């Protein structure tokens, strides 16, 4: 990865719009810089207001991660992913819109969860599993591997 003016500009835009540290914004910018220009700045991007379909897909993704960590015996991470999934599904059922800026400030949502959501967004464009999903499958989450659904996002 080469540090470019475009990458720096994107990191500053993310920092400003999400009110997060520059370091966290930079790490997120690195993940979305491979997307077409303007994809991350779109009103329906991961950093904007999510569509109901994207909202449900992200909630389902975290449910899958919960099951994968459970399969591998990592109870702590399994519980953390389950909580995020249940929170997102509850918001979905109540028809609450999700905005990344608010979500990352909720209890239990750390930078690793925020990063996973950004990875989900980028992976949807590339039509590949997220890096975390790939790692879980490589570690032996075979049931998860047989049921995984690729990330989906409307661009």
Protein backbone atom coordinates (compact mmCIF):
# COMPACT_ATOMS: atom_id res chain seq x y z
CA UNK A 1 0.00 0.00 0.00
CA UNK A 2 1.33 3.38 -1.00
CA UNK A 3 0.41 6.50 0.91
CA UNK A 4 -1.15 8.84 -1.63
CA UNK A 5 -2.82 12.22 -1.53
CA UNK A 6 -6.16 10.51 -2.31
CA UNK A 7 -5.75 8.10 0.60
CA UNK A 8 -4.84 10.95 2.94
CA UNK A 9 -7.84 12.98 1.75
CA UNK A 10 -10.18 10.02 2.25
CA UNK A 11 -8.82 9.43 5.76
CA UNK A 12 -9.44 13.06 6.67
CA UNK A 13 -12.97 12.91 5.22
CA UNK A 14 -13.73 9.81 7.30
CA UNK A 15 -12.21 11.39 10.40
CA UNK A 16 -14.31 14.51 9.98
CA UNK A 17 -17.59 12.77 9.11
CA UNK A 18 -17.32 10.10 11.83
CA UNK A 19 -15.55 12.16 14.50
CA UNK A 20 -12.94 9.47 15.16
CA UNK A 21 -9.17 9.52 15.55
CA UNK A 22 -7.07 10.05 12.45
CA UNK A 23 -5.42 6.66 12.97
CA UNK A 24 -8.75 4.80 13.00
CA UNK A 25 -9.93 6.84 10.01
CA UNK A 26 -6.72 6.05 8.15
CA UNK A 27 -7.07 2.30 8.80
CA UNK A 28 -10.64 2.45 7.49
CA UNK A 29 -9.59 4.51 4.47
CA UNK A 30 -7.01 1.85 3.57
CA UNK A 31 -9.80 -0.73 3.50
CA UNK A 32 -12.08 1.29 1.18
CA UNK A 33 -9.50 2.97 -1.04
CA UNK A 34 -9.74 0.11 -3.57
CA UNK A 35 -13.41 0.92 -4.22
CA UNK A 36 -14.49 3.25 -7.01
CA UNK A 37 -13.99 6.90 -6.21
CA UNK A 38 -16.98 8.25 -4.30
CA UNK A 39 -18.25 4.85 -3.09
CA UNK A 40 -17.25 5.57 0.50
CA UNK A 41 -18.69 9.09 0.32
CA UNK A 42 -22.07 7.95 -1.01
CA UNK A 43 -25.10 8.68 1.18
CA UNK A 44 -25.82 4.93 1.36
CA UNK A 45 -22.23 3.83 1.99
CA UNK A 46 -21.04 2.23 5.19
CA UNK A 47 -20.31 5.73 6.51
CA UNK A 48 -23.77 7.05 5.60
CA UNK A 49 -27.28 5.86 6.36
CA UNK A 50 -27.60 2.15 5.60
CA UNK A 51 -30.38 0.72 3.48
CA UNK A 52 -32.60 -1.85 5.20
CA UNK A 53 -31.05 -4.60 3.04
CA UNK A 54 -27.50 -3.60 4.04
CA UNK A 55 -28.60 -3.32 7.68
CA UNK A 56 -30.00 -6.85 7.66
CA UNK A 57 -26.97 -8.22 5.80
CA UNK A 58 -24.54 -6.78 8.36
CA UNK A 59 -26.63 -8.14 11.25
CA UNK A 60 -26.64 -11.57 9.60
CA UNK A 61 -22.90 -11.37 9.05
CA UNK A 62 -22.29 -10.81 12.76
CA UNK A 63 -24.66 -13.71 13.56
CA UNK A 64 -22.53 -15.90 11.29
CA UNK A 65 -19.35 -14.73 13.02
CA UNK A 66 -20.97 -15.56 16.37
CA UNK A 67 -21.65 -19.11 15.15
CA UNK A 68 -18.14 -19.48 13.69
CA UNK A 69 -16.43 -18.38 16.91
CA UNK A 70 -18.72 -20.71 18.84
CA UNK A 71 -17.75 -23.56 16.53
CA UNK A 72 -14.07 -22.86 17.23
CA UNK A 73 -14.64 -22.66 20.99
CA UNK A 74 -13.87 -18.93 21.30
CA UNK A 75 -16.71 -18.11 23.68
CA UNK A 76 -15.71 -14.51 24.39
CA UNK A 77 -15.66 -13.43 20.76
CA UNK A 78 -18.76 -15.49 20.06
CA UNK A 79 -20.68 -13.60 22.74
CA UNK A 80 -19.40 -10.24 21.50
CA UNK A 81 -20.49 -10.98 17.91
CA UNK A 82 -23.86 -12.25 19.15
CA UNK A 83 -24.48 -9.02 21.06
CA UNK A 84 -23.70 -6.88 18.00
CA UNK A 85 -25.91 -9.07 15.84
CA UNK A 86 -28.83 -8.94 18.27
CA UNK A 87 -28.50 -5.17 18.59
CA UNK A 88 -28.56 -4.73 14.82
CA UNK A 89 -31.46 -7.15 14.36
CA UNK A 90 -33.45 -5.36 17.09
CA UNK A 91 -32.85 -2.04 15.35
CA UNK A 92 -33.89 -3.63 12.05
CA UNK A 93 -37.13 -4.99 13.51
CA UNK A 94 -37.92 -1.56 14.96
CA UNK A 95 -37.15 -0.05 11.54
CA UNK A 96 -34.46 2.17 13.04
CA UNK A 97 -32.01 3.48 10.50
CA UNK A 98 -28.35 2.77 11.11
CA UNK A 99 -25.71 5.42 10.85
CA UNK A 100 -22.14 4.27 11.28
CA UNK A 101 -21.25 7.33 13.35
CA UNK A 102 -23.87 6.43 15.98
CA UNK A 103 -23.29 2.70 15.84
CA UNK A 104 -19.57 2.91 16.60
CA UNK A 105 -20.36 4.81 19.78
CA UNK A 106 -22.70 2.16 21.16
CA UNK A 107 -21.69 0.06 24.14
CA UNK A 108 -19.70 -2.99 23.12
CA UNK A 109 -18.74 -1.63 19.71
CA UNK A 110 -14.97 -1.36 19.57
CA UNK A 111 -12.71 -0.50 16.66
CA UNK A 112 -12.47 -4.19 15.69
CA UNK A 113 -16.24 -4.32 15.16
CA UNK A 114 -16.19 -1.05 13.23
CA UNK A 115 -13.34 -2.40 11.11
CA UNK A 116 -15.29 -5.59 10.42
CA UNK A 117 -18.23 -3.52 9.18
CA UNK A 118 -15.93 -1.54 6.88
CA UNK A 119 -14.40 -4.84 5.69
CA UNK A 120 -17.94 -6.11 5.01
CA UNK A 121 -18.65 -3.02 2.89
CA UNK A 122 -15.42 -3.40 0.88
CA UNK A 123 -15.85 -7.17 0.54
CA UNK A 124 -19.37 -6.67 -0.83
CA UNK A 125 -17.91 -4.69 -3.70
CA UNK A 126 -15.24 -7.30 -4.38
CA UNK A 127 -17.71 -10.17 -3.81
CA UNK A 128 -15.40 -11.97 -1.41
CA UNK A 129 -15.68 -13.03 2.24
CA UNK A 130 -14.26 -10.59 4.77
CA UNK A 131 -10.69 -11.21 5.98
CA UNK A 132 -12.09 -12.29 9.38
CA UNK A 133 -14.42 -14.80 7.71
CA UNK A 134 -11.53 -16.21 5.69
CA UNK A 135 -9.42 -16.54 8.82
CA UNK A 136 -12.21 -18.35 10.68
CA UNK A 137 -12.64 -20.79 7.80
CA UNK A 138 -8.87 -21.40 7.69
CA UNK A 139 -8.91 -22.06 11.44
CA UNK A 140 -11.44 -24.85 10.93
CA UNK A 141 -14.95 -23.38 11.11
CA UNK A 142 -16.26 -25.90 8.59
CA UNK A 143 -19.95 -25.54 9.45
CA UNK A 144 -19.59 -21.78 9.03
CA UNK A 145 -17.80 -22.31 5.73
CA UNK A 146 -20.65 -24.44 4.40
CA UNK A 147 -23.26 -21.78 5.27
CA UNK A 148 -21.45 -18.49 4.68
CA UNK A 149 -23.23 -15.87 2.61
CA UNK A 150 -21.06 -13.38 0.76
CA UNK A 151 -21.37 -9.75 1.88
CA UNK A 152 -23.98 -7.71 -0.01
CA UNK A 153 -24.33 -3.94 -0.29
CA UNK A 154 -26.17 -1.75 -2.76
CA UNK A 155 -23.71 0.70 -4.32
